[in-house]
């Protein structure tokens, strides 16, 4: 298991409602083929980066492995610095339903909440492609 650079600093936090929903979704996976939640950032989206949440069969080489609220979580080393301090919640209200990501590293985000921008000088070079990501409506 890879370790986090700053052990006193939390990489990602799952709220109890998010953990419950993830466990429900994991239980629905056929044959138990999905073992972990993968949290990542990807180039693209209205604001530069977009979040990626998905299930994976396990950790890849170099991934940070976490156990959050009883949920196994992996984060690739590229995404980890951009996600440090992030909280993942699950909302189920009349106004909205779904996962909500609160990232203290994001200096701005698009209206849909699926993409974000980090402070100047913290973005990767040509890797970020701009444009509206999934979930955005313009």
Foldseek 3Di string as FASTA:
>chain_A
DDDDPDVVFAQEAEDVQRVVVVVVVCVPDPPSQFQAWEWFWAAEAAAGIFIDTDTDNDDDPQWDWDQYPNGIYTYHPVGRVQRTPKYWYADDDPVDGGIAIDTPQFPDHDPQRGGGDGDPPPDDDPRHDYDHDPRDDD
